[in-house]
Amino acid sequence: MNTLIILNDSKETFTSSGISMGTAIFTSLAVVCSWTRNRSVFWAFVAGVLNIFYVIYWLMTRTEEEQRKKR
């Protein structure tokens, strides 16, 4: 019983003080997409802050050349 309480307490502390995995993934994805398109540290930083919104914007505004690189 004591072991379960200790594990539960550490889990709560970890999740309340860190970032979620989804946030880290979308931030990384936004920075990479922005860097690929703009080659600018400033715009990569802005995209990282706006992460999910930039990823959606990037998906909606891809050029034909960017779509061909995937294949």
C-alpha atoms as a PDB file:
ATOM      1  CA  MET A   1       0.000   0.000   0.000  1.00  0.00           C
ATOM      2  CA  ASN A   2       2.813   2.437   0.819  1.00  0.00           C
ATOM      3  CA  THR A   3       4.563   1.707  -2.474  1.00  0.00           C
ATOM      4  CA  LEU A   4       1.470   2.642  -4.464  1.00  0.00           C
ATOM      5  CA  ILE A   5       1.197   5.964  -2.658  1.00  0.00           C
ATOM      6  CA  ILE A   6       4.849   6.821  -3.319  1.00  0.00           C
ATOM      7  CA  LEU A   7       4.547   5.986  -7.031  1.00  0.00           C
ATOM      8  CA  ASN A   8       1.361   7.998  -7.328  1.00  0.00           C
ATOM      9  CA  ASP A   9       2.946  11.033  -5.635  1.00  0.00           C
ATOM     10  CA  SER A  10       5.970  10.995  -7.947  1.00  0.00           C
ATOM     11  CA  LYS A  11       3.731  10.718 -11.012  1.00  0.00           C
ATOM     12  CA  GLU A  12       1.719  13.750  -9.998  1.00  0.00           C
ATOM     13  CA  THR A  13       4.846  15.796  -9.345  1.00  0.00           C
ATOM     14  CA  PHE A  14       6.362  14.861 -12.708  1.00  0.00           C
ATOM     15  CA  THR A  15       3.298  15.735 -14.741  1.00  0.00           C
ATOM     16  CA  SER A  16       2.630  19.017 -12.986  1.00  0.00           C
ATOM     17  CA  SER A  17       6.163  20.342 -13.480  1.00  0.00           C
ATOM     18  CA  GLY A  18       6.981  19.167 -17.019  1.00  0.00           C
ATOM     19  CA  ILE A  19       5.652  19.559 -20.545  1.00  0.00           C
ATOM     20  CA  SER A  20       3.562  16.919 -22.225  1.00  0.00           C
ATOM     21  CA  MET A  21       4.914  14.675 -24.951  1.00  0.00           C
ATOM     22  CA  GLY A  22       2.414  16.087 -27.453  1.00  0.00           C
ATOM     23  CA  THR A  23       3.626  19.627 -26.819  1.00  0.00           C
ATOM     24  CA  ALA A  24       7.237  18.604 -27.353  1.00  0.00           C
ATOM     25  CA  ILE A  25       6.402  16.781 -30.593  1.00  0.00           C
ATOM     26  CA  PHE A  26       4.361  19.634 -32.083  1.00  0.00           C
ATOM     27  CA  THR A  27       6.986  22.198 -31.076  1.00  0.00           C
ATOM     28  CA  SER A  28       9.737  20.160 -32.746  1.00  0.00           C
ATOM     29  CA  LEU A  29       7.622  19.596 -35.838  1.00  0.00           C
ATOM     30  CA  ALA A  30       6.781  23.298 -36.121  1.00  0.00           C
ATOM     31  CA  VAL A  31      10.439  24.324 -35.802  1.00  0.00           C
ATOM     32  CA  VAL A  32      11.561  21.818 -38.441  1.00  0.00           C
ATOM     33  CA  CYS A  33       8.793  22.823 -40.882  1.00  0.00           C
ATOM     34  CA  SER A  34       9.585  26.496 -40.414  1.00  0.00           C
ATOM     35  CA  TRP A  35      13.328  25.976 -40.803  1.00  0.00           C
ATOM     36  CA  THR A  36      12.803  23.924 -43.970  1.00  0.00           C
ATOM     37  CA  ARG A  37      10.677  26.645 -45.526  1.00  0.00           C
ATOM     38  CA  ASN A  38      12.301  29.880 -44.260  1.00  0.00           C
ATOM     39  CA  ARG A  39      15.879  29.049 -43.171  1.00  0.00           C
ATOM     40  CA  SER A  40      15.493  31.617 -40.370  1.00  0.00           C
ATOM     41  CA  VAL A  41      16.139  31.140 -36.666  1.00  0.00           C
ATOM     42  CA  PHE A  42      13.687  33.925 -35.830  1.00  0.00           C
ATOM     43  CA  TRP A  43      10.794  32.329 -37.737  1.00  0.00           C
ATOM     44  CA  ALA A  44      11.673  28.905 -36.356  1.00  0.00           C
ATOM     45  CA  PHE A  45      11.395  30.364 -32.843  1.00  0.00           C
ATOM     46  CA  VAL A  46       8.040  31.994 -33.646  1.00  0.00           C
ATOM     47  CA  ALA A  47       6.762  28.707 -35.090  1.00  0.00           C
ATOM     48  CA  GLY A  48       7.927  26.882 -31.961  1.00  0.00           C
ATOM     49  CA  VAL A  49       5.914  29.254 -29.776  1.00  0.00           C
ATOM     50  CA  LEU A  50       2.803  28.927 -31.953  1.00  0.00           C
ATOM     51  CA  ASN A  51       3.479  25.187 -32.525  1.00  0.00           C
ATOM     52  CA  ILE A  52       0.119  23.522 -33.386  1.00  0.00           C
ATOM     53  CA  PHE A  53      -1.200  26.612 -35.180  1.00  0.00           C
ATOM     54  CA  TYR A  54       1.912  26.826 -37.348  1.00  0.00           C
ATOM     55  CA  VAL A  55       1.762  23.113 -38.205  1.00  0.00           C
ATOM     56  CA  ILE A  56      -1.855  23.499 -39.361  1.00  0.00           C
ATOM     57  CA  TYR A  57      -0.924  26.635 -41.344  1.00  0.00           C
ATOM     58  CA  TRP A  58       2.030  24.841 -42.933  1.00  0.00           C
ATOM     59  CA  LEU A  59      -0.118  21.875 -43.961  1.00  0.00           C
ATOM     60  CA  MET A  60      -2.685  24.173 -45.566  1.00  0.00           C
ATOM     61  CA  THR A  61      -0.137  26.281 -47.481  1.00  0.00           C
ATOM     62  CA  ARG A  62       2.366  23.687 -48.751  1.00  0.00           C
ATOM     63  CA  THR A  63       3.653  24.277 -52.247  1.00  0.00           C
ATOM     64  CA  GLU A  64       3.803  21.609 -54.943  1.00  0.00           C
ATOM     65  CA  GLU A  65       7.557  21.374 -54.492  1.00  0.00           C
ATOM     66  CA  GLU A  66       7.176  20.680 -50.752  1.00  0.00           C
ATOM     67  CA  GLN A  67       4.586  18.003 -51.486  1.00  0.00           C
ATOM     68  CA  ARG A  68       6.854  16.316 -54.062  1.00  0.00           C
ATOM     69  CA  LYS A  69       9.773  16.065 -51.616  1.00  0.00           C
ATOM     70  CA  LYS A  70       7.665  13.691 -49.537  1.00  0.00           C
ATOM     71  CA  ARG A  71       7.462  11.084 -52.297  1.00  0.00           C
END
